[in-house]
């Protein structure tokens, strides 16, 4: 499954906002308008651009849109003016195309929101679970365990997650380690654990972070001579959840700090939950001290979803996106998702269906099987999960370079041009999808000095695909998910003919 880094469904489902923002100053019509805008733009974009900063006021046929900065105002006007106007016409009952007038302006949040007193923090700890972001800011956790879709392949991991955050003695002194391939729900579980733990233990503190954020914070603290604040940040918690543990590979100094953090938390009786793409015994360049501590707790694997779970996921994600699917459409998408593998790619399929239905549908969210076939190009045979013959790394690099119009030497070089960076990321993602190569082997295959850069690139492009981002190829734009599928199809077909 859901940075553009950030914190990006037992499989993960990117959930829609749990509640529409409804400060006291907003009227019923404004709440309805926001709900309609969420349907127009989709829950992910609504959460990103409206739920946090945009504020609306309705005055007859005029809608005032306010945001905190000039950049945000210009972006909202450029990208969402038509969506806001359509939503307003629907909610205000105005039929004429020019009946709704929009105005956009910069406005401080306090001007539209009633002031509230800050909540007290017991013992200097933050009582609300947050996720650390790449730049050090913190934002409330959105993924929750109740939104997690459970099947046979993730039932054990889900049960372990529930136990460690609800049982008063569960997990103290030993970690929970969850591992599995990209896009099967590890991040959703960790964020859900942090949120549920806070609910079950009022006054306790829970923190979700990624290994990259932990590493960057540690390096910054060393440079600034402020290790005390860094250690207090990660050690004075009752629950610490660290995602993407494989990113620590080869970082000896950071591993040493993590080991001390780990020991300090255990001595304090706090709980630790970890997630990684690989089993702790298979993470290369990981210290034996850390490995032994990871293996001392419960280690659970998240597998790719089985067919029954895929059907449940399709229905759940479609419901959250206000898509009304008939049974034929559900079956068609689930069968196609079975060849895609991860839940994150399943969400990408539904994003394409949603986009196609907005252009061709009846406006009420109903989706027919013919629309699904058109969106997914599902008239032919489903794409195999792996080709008949293995795809070689050199073939992946060659096809990506040909598609994007870059030279092989640029991919292997040190250049940071946007298209070259995209080419490296695509090579890494396709290698993970079409081969059995490890991250270090992929790094060597594209001339990278270490595999952490490949991991970062794969995570970044997965987030871009999840958000439905588009890239320029040739003289036009194409959705990144579709571009990845097209290259993978060509490589698989070529391998099958070889």
Protein backbone atom coordinates (compact mmCIF):
# COMPACT_ATOMS: atom_id res chain seq x y z
CA UNK A 1 0.00 0.00 0.00
CA UNK A 2 0.00 4.89 1.06
CA UNK A 3 6.76 10.54 1.60
CA UNK A 4 6.56 13.36 -1.33
CA UNK A 5 8.18 11.47 1.11
CA UNK A 6 6.01 11.15 4.12
CA UNK A 7 4.88 8.36 5.70
CA UNK A 8 3.26 6.44 2.87
CA UNK A 9 -3.50 -1.10 4.29
CA UNK A 10 -3.21 -7.45 7.12
CA UNK A 11 -2.32 -5.76 3.76
CA UNK A 12 -2.10 -2.05 3.76
CA UNK A 13 -4.91 0.13 2.59
CA UNK A 14 -4.44 3.84 2.19
CA UNK A 15 -7.37 5.14 4.18
CA UNK A 16 -9.37 8.26 3.45
CA UNK A 17 -9.40 10.97 6.11
CA UNK A 18 -11.14 9.60 9.17
CA UNK A 19 -13.19 12.75 9.56
CA UNK A 20 -13.86 15.89 7.59
CA UNK A 21 -12.42 19.01 9.21
CA UNK A 22 -15.24 20.87 10.88
CA UNK A 23 -14.09 23.76 13.07
CA UNK A 24 -16.79 25.64 14.89
CA UNK A 25 -16.64 28.50 12.38
CA UNK A 26 -17.76 26.24 9.49
CA UNK A 27 -21.43 25.90 8.63
CA UNK A 28 -23.30 22.82 7.46
CA UNK A 29 -23.07 23.86 3.81
CA UNK A 30 -19.30 24.24 4.11
CA UNK A 31 -18.98 20.77 5.60
CA UNK A 32 -21.06 19.34 2.75
CA UNK A 33 -18.95 21.24 0.24
CA UNK A 34 -15.74 19.82 1.72
CA UNK A 35 -17.19 16.31 1.55
CA UNK A 36 -18.10 16.82 -2.11
CA UNK A 37 -14.61 18.19 -2.86
CA UNK A 38 -13.15 15.02 -1.30
CA UNK A 39 -15.20 12.99 -3.80
CA UNK A 40 -14.09 15.23 -6.68
CA UNK A 41 -10.34 15.21 -6.02
CA UNK A 42 -9.98 11.85 -4.24
CA UNK A 43 -9.22 11.15 -0.57
CA UNK A 44 -5.43 11.20 -0.90
CA UNK A 45 -5.23 14.59 -2.59
CA UNK A 46 -7.96 15.94 -0.30
CA UNK A 47 -5.96 14.90 2.78
CA UNK A 48 -2.81 16.47 1.35
CA UNK A 49 -4.12 19.80 0.06
CA UNK A 50 -7.42 20.52 1.82
CA UNK A 51 -7.56 18.70 5.14
CA UNK A 52 -4.57 20.50 6.66
CA UNK A 53 -4.44 24.04 5.31
CA UNK A 54 -7.33 25.02 3.03
CA UNK A 55 -10.36 26.77 4.57
CA UNK A 56 -13.65 27.55 2.84
CA UNK A 57 -16.41 30.09 3.40
CA UNK A 58 -19.65 30.18 1.42
CA UNK A 59 -21.51 33.46 0.80
CA UNK A 60 -24.47 32.85 -1.45
CA UNK A 61 -22.99 31.89 -4.83
CA UNK A 62 -19.44 32.88 -3.86
CA UNK A 63 -16.88 30.51 -2.31
CA UNK A 64 -13.85 32.02 -0.57
CA UNK A 65 -10.82 29.71 -0.39
CA UNK A 66 -8.08 30.62 2.10
CA UNK A 67 -4.70 29.01 2.74
CA UNK A 68 -1.63 29.77 4.82
CA UNK A 69 0.82 30.77 2.08
CA UNK A 70 0.97 32.30 -1.38
CA UNK A 71 2.35 29.07 -2.77
CA UNK A 72 -0.56 27.04 -1.36
CA UNK A 73 -3.15 29.52 -2.64
CA UNK A 74 -1.69 29.54 -6.16
CA UNK A 75 -1.48 25.76 -6.22
CA UNK A 76 -5.09 25.33 -5.06
CA UNK A 77 -6.29 27.82 -7.67
CA UNK A 78 -4.28 26.28 -10.50
CA UNK A 79 -5.03 22.61 -9.77
CA UNK A 80 -8.42 22.52 -8.04
CA UNK A 81 -10.47 25.56 -9.09
CA UNK A 82 -12.61 23.50 -11.50
CA UNK A 83 -13.14 20.74 -8.92
CA UNK A 84 -14.19 23.26 -6.24
CA UNK A 85 -16.53 24.98 -8.71
CA UNK A 86 -18.19 21.68 -9.72
CA UNK A 87 -18.59 20.67 -6.07
CA UNK A 88 -20.09 24.07 -5.21
CA UNK A 89 -22.55 23.92 -8.11
CA UNK A 90 -23.66 20.48 -6.91
CA UNK A 91 -24.08 21.46 -3.25
CA UNK A 92 -25.57 24.91 -3.89
CA UNK A 93 -27.95 23.67 -6.58
CA UNK A 94 -26.70 26.11 -9.22
CA UNK A 95 -27.00 24.89 -12.82
CA UNK A 96 -25.37 27.70 -14.78
CA UNK A 97 -21.61 27.16 -15.44
CA UNK A 98 -20.72 30.69 -14.28
CA UNK A 99 -23.05 30.76 -11.31
CA UNK A 100 -20.30 30.03 -8.77
CA UNK A 101 -17.67 32.69 -8.09
CA UNK A 102 -14.37 31.66 -6.51
CA UNK A 103 -11.88 33.82 -4.66
CA UNK A 104 -8.49 32.70 -3.33
CA UNK A 105 -6.46 34.51 -0.71
CA UNK A 106 -3.69 34.09 1.85
CA UNK A 107 -4.98 34.03 5.41
CA UNK A 108 -3.42 33.05 8.72
CA UNK A 109 -5.04 29.97 10.28
CA UNK A 110 -6.05 31.91 13.42
CA UNK A 111 -8.30 34.14 11.35
CA UNK A 112 -10.59 31.25 10.49
CA UNK A 113 -10.16 28.95 13.49
CA UNK A 114 -11.33 29.45 16.99
CA UNK A 115 -8.37 29.59 19.38
CA UNK A 116 -7.94 26.55 21.57
CA UNK A 117 -5.80 26.10 24.63
CA UNK A 118 -2.93 23.62 24.20
CA UNK A 119 -3.52 20.24 25.82
CA UNK A 120 -1.33 19.49 28.85
CA UNK A 121 1.50 17.01 28.36
CA UNK A 122 2.16 14.62 31.22
CA UNK A 123 5.78 14.24 32.28
CA UNK A 124 7.01 16.23 29.30
CA UNK A 125 5.94 13.50 26.88
CA UNK A 126 3.75 13.97 23.87
CA UNK A 127 0.43 12.15 24.51
CA UNK A 128 -0.54 12.08 20.81
CA UNK A 129 1.11 9.53 18.48
CA UNK A 130 2.99 11.27 15.67
CA UNK A 131 5.05 10.28 12.70
CA UNK A 132 8.46 11.85 12.21
CA UNK A 133 8.93 13.27 8.73
CA UNK A 134 12.05 13.61 6.68
CA UNK A 135 12.51 17.30 7.52
CA UNK A 136 12.00 16.87 11.24
CA UNK A 137 8.41 18.15 11.44
CA UNK A 138 5.79 15.88 12.94
CA UNK A 139 2.29 15.10 11.80
CA UNK A 140 -0.56 13.07 13.32
CA UNK A 141 -0.69 9.41 12.33
CA UNK A 142 -3.54 8.60 9.96
CA UNK A 143 -3.30 4.84 9.38
CA UNK A 144 -5.15 2.83 12.01
CA UNK A 145 -5.52 -0.85 12.85
CA UNK A 146 -9.30 -0.76 12.42
CA UNK A 147 -8.72 0.14 8.74
CA UNK A 148 -6.40 -2.82 8.23
CA UNK A 149 -7.93 -5.52 6.01
CA UNK A 150 -7.20 -8.98 7.44
CA UNK A 151 -6.75 -12.22 5.52
CA UNK A 152 -4.93 -15.50 5.93
CA UNK A 153 -1.59 -14.13 4.77
CA UNK A 154 -1.48 -11.37 7.38
CA UNK A 155 -3.62 -12.68 10.23
CA UNK A 156 -0.68 -13.58 12.48
CA UNK A 157 1.03 -10.22 11.98
CA UNK A 158 -2.21 -8.40 12.74
CA UNK A 159 -2.78 -10.45 15.90
CA UNK A 160 0.77 -9.69 17.07
CA UNK A 161 0.21 -5.99 16.38
CA UNK A 162 -3.00 -5.92 18.40
CA UNK A 163 -1.38 -7.77 21.31
CA UNK A 164 1.66 -5.51 21.63
CA UNK A 165 -0.42 -2.34 21.80
CA UNK A 166 -3.35 -3.61 23.89
CA UNK A 167 -1.87 -6.17 26.30
CA UNK A 168 -0.50 -4.44 29.41
CA UNK A 169 2.43 -6.87 29.48
CA UNK A 170 2.69 -7.65 25.78
CA UNK A 171 6.01 -6.89 24.14
CA UNK A 172 7.81 -5.42 27.12
CA UNK A 173 11.49 -6.35 27.04
CA UNK A 174 11.45 -7.91 23.55
CA UNK A 175 10.63 -6.39 20.15
CA UNK A 176 8.09 -7.26 17.50
CA UNK A 177 9.79 -7.51 14.10
CA UNK A 178 7.55 -7.47 11.00
CA UNK A 179 9.08 -8.19 7.59
CA UNK A 180 7.78 -8.59 4.05
CA UNK A 181 8.15 -7.24 0.53
CA UNK A 182 7.20 -3.66 -0.35
CA UNK A 183 3.54 -2.75 -0.31
CA UNK A 184 2.03 -5.47 1.91
CA UNK A 185 1.16 -3.36 4.95
CA UNK A 186 4.20 -2.98 7.22
CA UNK A 187 3.92 0.79 7.50
CA UNK A 188 0.17 0.60 8.05
CA UNK A 189 0.68 -1.87 10.90
CA UNK A 190 3.37 0.21 12.61
CA UNK A 191 1.39 3.43 12.42
CA UNK A 192 -1.75 1.60 13.51
CA UNK A 193 0.08 0.14 16.51
CA UNK A 194 1.21 3.61 17.60
CA UNK A 195 -2.33 5.00 17.34
CA UNK A 196 -3.98 2.04 19.12
CA UNK A 197 -1.35 2.02 21.88
CA UNK A 198 -2.07 5.66 22.63
CA UNK A 199 -5.80 4.96 22.83
CA UNK A 200 -5.35 2.00 25.17
CA UNK A 201 -2.77 3.71 27.39
CA UNK A 202 -3.83 7.35 27.98
CA UNK A 203 -0.93 9.53 29.06
CA UNK A 204 1.69 7.24 27.51
CA UNK A 205 3.81 8.36 24.55
CA UNK A 206 4.19 6.60 21.21
CA UNK A 207 6.46 7.52 18.31
CA UNK A 208 6.56 6.22 14.75
CA UNK A 209 9.64 7.01 12.66
CA UNK A 210 11.61 5.64 9.74
CA UNK A 211 15.21 4.52 9.88
CA UNK A 212 16.12 7.27 7.42
CA UNK A 213 14.63 9.92 9.72
CA UNK A 214 16.39 8.36 12.71
CA UNK A 215 19.71 8.38 10.83
CA UNK A 216 19.32 11.97 9.61
CA UNK A 217 18.36 13.16 13.10
CA UNK A 218 21.38 11.40 14.61
CA UNK A 219 23.80 12.88 12.05
CA UNK A 220 22.31 16.34 12.62
CA UNK A 221 22.61 15.95 16.40
CA UNK A 222 26.27 14.92 16.12
CA UNK A 223 27.07 17.91 13.92
CA UNK A 224 25.25 20.31 16.24
CA UNK A 225 26.62 18.72 19.42
CA UNK A 226 23.07 18.09 20.67
CA UNK A 227 22.99 14.34 21.28
CA UNK A 228 21.16 14.81 24.58
CA UNK A 229 18.05 16.18 22.91
CA UNK A 230 18.21 13.48 20.23
CA UNK A 231 18.41 10.70 22.81
CA UNK A 232 15.59 12.14 24.87
CA UNK A 233 13.48 12.31 21.72
CA UNK A 234 13.80 8.58 20.99
CA UNK A 235 14.40 7.06 24.42
CA UNK A 236 11.79 8.79 26.57
CA UNK A 237 8.86 7.01 24.93
CA UNK A 238 6.66 4.13 25.98
CA UNK A 239 6.45 2.75 22.43
CA UNK A 240 8.94 3.23 19.59
CA UNK A 241 8.08 2.05 16.07
CA UNK A 242 10.89 2.12 13.49
CA UNK A 243 10.15 1.43 9.82
CA UNK A 244 12.55 0.35 7.02
CA UNK A 245 15.17 -1.12 9.37
CA UNK A 246 17.14 -2.43 6.37
CA UNK A 247 18.18 1.20 5.75
CA UNK A 248 20.55 0.91 8.72
CA UNK A 249 22.70 -1.61 6.80
CA UNK A 250 26.33 -0.48 6.64
CA UNK A 251 25.84 2.56 8.92
CA UNK A 252 28.04 1.52 11.81
CA UNK A 253 27.80 4.69 13.88
CA UNK A 254 24.01 4.89 13.57
CA UNK A 255 23.72 1.18 14.38
CA UNK A 256 25.72 1.75 17.56
CA UNK A 257 23.39 4.59 18.60
CA UNK A 258 20.34 2.46 17.78
CA UNK A 259 21.76 -0.36 19.92
CA UNK A 260 22.09 1.97 22.92
CA UNK A 261 18.61 3.33 22.28
CA UNK A 262 17.28 -0.20 22.11
CA UNK A 263 18.91 -1.15 25.42
CA UNK A 264 17.78 2.05 27.15
CA UNK A 265 14.17 1.49 26.10
CA UNK A 266 14.23 -2.13 27.27
CA UNK A 267 15.62 -1.14 30.66
CA UNK A 268 12.76 1.33 31.00
CA UNK A 269 10.18 -1.36 30.19
CA UNK A 270 9.07 0.31 26.96
CA UNK A 271 8.08 -1.50 23.78
CA UNK A 272 9.72 -1.60 20.35
CA UNK A 273 8.19 -2.52 16.99
CA UNK A 274 10.36 -2.81 13.87
CA UNK A 275 9.66 -3.38 10.18
CA UNK A 276 11.92 -4.29 7.28
CA UNK A 277 11.79 -5.62 3.74
CA UNK A 278 13.85 -8.62 4.86
CA UNK A 279 14.17 -11.04 7.75
CA UNK A 280 16.56 -9.71 10.43
CA UNK A 281 18.83 -12.68 9.82
CA UNK A 282 19.17 -11.72 6.15
CA UNK A 283 19.90 -7.99 6.41
CA UNK A 284 23.46 -7.55 5.20
CA UNK A 285 26.00 -5.34 7.01
CA UNK A 286 23.94 -5.38 10.23
CA UNK A 287 25.84 -5.69 13.51
CA UNK A 288 25.52 -9.01 15.30
CA UNK A 289 24.48 -7.19 18.48
CA UNK A 290 21.49 -5.63 16.75
CA UNK A 291 20.68 -8.81 14.87
CA UNK A 292 20.57 -10.83 18.07
CA UNK A 293 18.26 -8.30 19.74
CA UNK A 294 15.92 -8.28 16.75
CA UNK A 295 15.77 -12.07 16.77
CA UNK A 296 15.15 -12.16 20.52
CA UNK A 297 11.54 -11.05 20.06
CA UNK A 298 8.70 -12.20 17.83
CA UNK A 299 9.51 -12.19 14.12
CA UNK A 300 6.47 -12.24 11.79
CA UNK A 301 6.32 -12.27 8.00
CA UNK A 302 3.71 -10.43 5.92
CA UNK A 303 3.03 -12.28 2.67
CA UNK A 304 1.44 -11.11 -0.56
CA UNK A 305 -2.37 -11.18 -0.28
CA UNK A 306 -4.25 -14.32 -1.27
CA UNK A 307 -7.17 -14.13 -3.78
CA UNK A 308 -9.85 -13.85 -1.08
CA UNK A 309 -8.01 -10.99 0.60
CA UNK A 310 -7.56 -9.23 -2.75
CA UNK A 311 -11.35 -9.24 -3.22
CA UNK A 312 -11.84 -7.79 0.27
CA UNK A 313 -9.19 -5.15 -0.43
CA UNK A 314 -10.77 -4.11 -3.72
CA UNK A 315 -14.15 -3.64 -2.03
CA UNK A 316 -12.66 -1.77 0.93
CA UNK A 317 -10.50 0.62 -1.08
CA UNK A 318 -13.31 1.26 -3.57
CA UNK A 319 -15.69 2.11 -0.73
CA UNK A 320 -13.20 4.60 0.73
CA UNK A 321 -12.85 6.23 -2.68
CA UNK A 322 -16.64 6.38 -3.19
CA UNK A 323 -16.49 3.96 -6.13
CA UNK A 324 -19.57 1.74 -6.56
CA UNK A 325 -18.27 -1.48 -8.13
CA UNK A 326 -20.45 -4.34 -9.33
CA UNK A 327 -19.31 -7.91 -8.71
CA UNK A 328 -17.90 -8.28 -12.21
CA UNK A 329 -15.73 -5.20 -11.70
CA UNK A 330 -14.53 -6.40 -8.28
CA UNK A 331 -13.55 -9.77 -9.74
CA UNK A 332 -11.80 -8.21 -12.72
CA UNK A 333 -9.72 -5.85 -10.58
CA UNK A 334 -8.87 -8.58 -8.04
CA UNK A 335 -7.69 -10.91 -10.80
CA UNK A 336 -5.51 -8.19 -12.31
CA UNK A 337 -4.19 -7.30 -8.85
CA UNK A 338 -3.13 -10.92 -8.37
CA UNK A 339 -0.57 -10.43 -11.13
CA UNK A 340 0.56 -7.10 -9.67
CA UNK A 341 1.42 -8.60 -6.29
CA UNK A 342 1.49 -5.89 -3.63
CA UNK A 343 -1.41 -3.93 -2.17
CA UNK A 344 0.28 -0.69 -3.15
CA UNK A 345 0.04 -1.70 -6.80
CA UNK A 346 -3.59 -2.72 -6.24
CA UNK A 347 -4.23 0.83 -5.06
CA UNK A 348 -2.56 2.07 -8.23
CA UNK A 349 -4.99 -0.01 -10.30
CA UNK A 350 -7.96 1.49 -8.47
CA UNK A 351 -6.51 4.97 -8.97
CA UNK A 352 -6.56 4.36 -12.72
CA UNK A 353 -10.12 3.02 -12.55
CA UNK A 354 -11.17 6.07 -10.53
CA UNK A 355 -9.58 8.47 -13.01
CA UNK A 356 -11.18 6.75 -16.00
CA UNK A 357 -14.59 6.65 -14.32
CA UNK A 358 -14.42 10.40 -13.60
CA UNK A 359 -14.07 11.01 -17.32
CA UNK A 360 -16.49 8.37 -18.61
CA UNK A 361 -18.79 7.52 -15.67
CA UNK A 362 -22.25 8.77 -14.75
CA UNK A 363 -20.98 11.17 -12.07
CA UNK A 364 -22.48 9.11 -9.25
CA UNK A 365 -19.44 6.89 -8.66
CA UNK A 366 -20.94 3.78 -10.30
CA UNK A 367 -18.34 1.78 -12.22
CA UNK A 368 -19.12 -0.79 -14.87
CA UNK A 369 -16.98 -3.72 -15.92
CA UNK A 370 -16.47 -2.12 -19.35
CA UNK A 371 -15.00 1.00 -17.69
CA UNK A 372 -12.69 -1.20 -15.62
CA UNK A 373 -11.54 -3.07 -18.74
CA UNK A 374 -10.82 0.19 -20.49
CA UNK A 375 -8.94 1.61 -17.49
CA UNK A 376 -6.78 -1.44 -16.91
CA UNK A 377 -6.51 -2.56 -20.52
CA UNK A 378 -7.74 -5.88 -19.16
CA UNK A 379 -9.07 -7.32 -22.41
CA UNK A 380 -5.95 -9.41 -22.92
CA UNK A 381 -4.35 -11.97 -20.62
CA UNK A 382 -3.27 -10.86 -17.16
CA UNK A 383 0.35 -9.89 -16.78
CA UNK A 384 2.33 -12.74 -15.18
CA UNK A 385 3.86 -12.03 -11.78
CA UNK A 386 7.23 -13.20 -13.08
CA UNK A 387 8.26 -13.89 -16.70
CA UNK A 388 8.89 -17.38 -18.02
CA UNK A 389 12.58 -16.59 -18.34
CA UNK A 390 14.42 -14.34 -15.91
CA UNK A 391 14.91 -10.70 -16.86
CA UNK A 392 18.52 -9.57 -16.80
CA UNK A 393 19.60 -6.37 -15.07
CA UNK A 394 21.28 -5.17 -18.23
CA UNK A 395 18.02 -5.53 -20.18
CA UNK A 396 16.17 -3.46 -17.55
CA UNK A 397 18.75 -0.66 -17.74
CA UNK A 398 18.69 -0.71 -21.55
CA UNK A 399 14.88 -0.56 -21.79
CA UNK A 400 14.54 2.19 -19.18
CA UNK A 401 17.20 4.29 -20.91
CA UNK A 402 15.51 3.79 -24.29
CA UNK A 403 12.09 4.76 -22.92
CA UNK A 404 13.26 7.88 -21.08
CA UNK A 405 15.81 8.96 -23.64
CA UNK A 406 18.87 8.90 -21.37
CA UNK A 407 22.28 7.35 -21.87
CA UNK A 408 23.48 4.30 -19.96
CA UNK A 409 26.59 6.22 -18.93
CA UNK A 410 24.37 8.87 -17.29
CA UNK A 411 22.62 6.23 -15.16
CA UNK A 412 25.97 4.85 -14.05
CA UNK A 413 27.41 8.33 -13.51
CA UNK A 414 26.94 10.86 -10.72
CA UNK A 415 24.56 13.24 -12.48
CA UNK A 416 21.41 14.39 -10.66
CA UNK A 417 19.28 15.51 -13.60
CA UNK A 418 15.60 14.77 -12.89
CA UNK A 419 15.24 12.30 -15.76
CA UNK A 420 18.44 10.45 -14.80
CA UNK A 421 17.30 10.16 -11.17
CA UNK A 422 13.96 8.79 -12.42
CA UNK A 423 15.77 6.28 -14.63
CA UNK A 424 17.78 4.93 -11.68
CA UNK A 425 14.64 4.66 -9.54
CA UNK A 426 12.76 2.84 -12.30
CA UNK A 427 15.66 0.41 -12.75
CA UNK A 428 15.58 -0.38 -9.03
CA UNK A 429 11.80 -0.83 -8.87
CA UNK A 430 11.66 -2.99 -11.99
CA UNK A 431 14.57 -5.12 -10.76
CA UNK A 432 12.73 -5.76 -7.48
CA UNK A 433 9.59 -6.62 -9.44
CA UNK A 434 11.01 -8.75 -12.24
CA UNK A 435 14.10 -10.38 -10.72
CA UNK A 436 15.22 -12.06 -7.52
CA UNK A 437 18.20 -9.73 -7.11
CA UNK A 438 18.94 -8.28 -3.68
CA UNK A 439 19.38 -4.55 -3.11
CA UNK A 440 23.20 -4.79 -3.09
CA UNK A 441 23.09 -6.72 -6.39
CA UNK A 442 20.78 -4.12 -7.93
CA UNK A 443 23.09 -1.35 -6.72
CA UNK A 444 26.04 -3.01 -8.46
CA UNK A 445 23.89 -3.45 -11.57
CA UNK A 446 23.42 0.33 -11.94
CA UNK A 447 26.83 1.39 -10.66
CA UNK A 448 25.78 2.66 -7.22
CA UNK A 449 28.41 2.58 -4.44
CA UNK A 450 25.93 1.32 -1.80
CA UNK A 451 22.47 -0.20 -1.80
CA UNK A 452 20.88 2.28 0.63
CA UNK A 453 20.47 4.71 -2.28
CA UNK A 454 18.55 2.02 -4.19
CA UNK A 455 16.26 1.40 -1.21
CA UNK A 456 15.58 5.12 -0.88
CA UNK A 457 14.86 5.43 -4.62
CA UNK A 458 12.49 2.43 -4.58
CA UNK A 459 10.58 3.82 -1.61
CA UNK A 460 10.39 7.25 -3.24
CA UNK A 461 9.04 5.98 -6.55
CA UNK A 462 6.55 3.73 -4.73
CA UNK A 463 5.18 6.82 -3.02
CA UNK A 464 4.99 8.70 -6.33
CA UNK A 465 3.06 5.82 -7.92
CA UNK A 466 0.75 5.66 -4.92
CA UNK A 467 -0.05 9.36 -5.30
CA UNK A 468 -0.79 8.97 -9.00
CA UNK A 469 2.03 11.29 -10.12
CA UNK A 470 2.76 11.83 -13.81
CA UNK A 471 6.11 12.23 -15.60
CA UNK A 472 7.14 13.73 -18.92
CA UNK A 473 8.16 11.13 -21.51
CA UNK A 474 8.91 12.29 -25.03
CA UNK A 475 6.48 15.07 -25.90
CA UNK A 476 3.76 14.19 -23.43
CA UNK A 477 2.93 13.18 -19.87
CA UNK A 478 2.14 9.67 -18.63
CA UNK A 479 1.12 8.31 -15.27
CA UNK A 480 4.15 6.81 -13.51
CA UNK A 481 2.23 3.63 -12.63
CA UNK A 482 1.28 3.11 -16.28
CA UNK A 483 4.84 3.81 -17.45
CA UNK A 484 6.21 1.21 -15.02
CA UNK A 485 3.65 -1.35 -16.19
CA UNK A 486 4.45 -0.68 -19.86
CA UNK A 487 8.19 -1.17 -19.38
CA UNK A 488 7.61 -4.29 -17.25
CA UNK A 489 5.32 -5.74 -19.95
CA UNK A 490 7.90 -5.18 -22.68
CA UNK A 491 10.66 -6.74 -20.59
CA UNK A 492 8.50 -9.75 -19.67
CA UNK A 493 7.44 -10.32 -23.27
CA UNK A 494 11.03 -10.08 -24.48
CA UNK A 495 12.14 -12.55 -21.80
CA UNK A 496 9.36 -14.95 -22.79
CA UNK A 497 10.45 -14.85 -26.45
CA UNK A 498 14.13 -15.37 -25.62
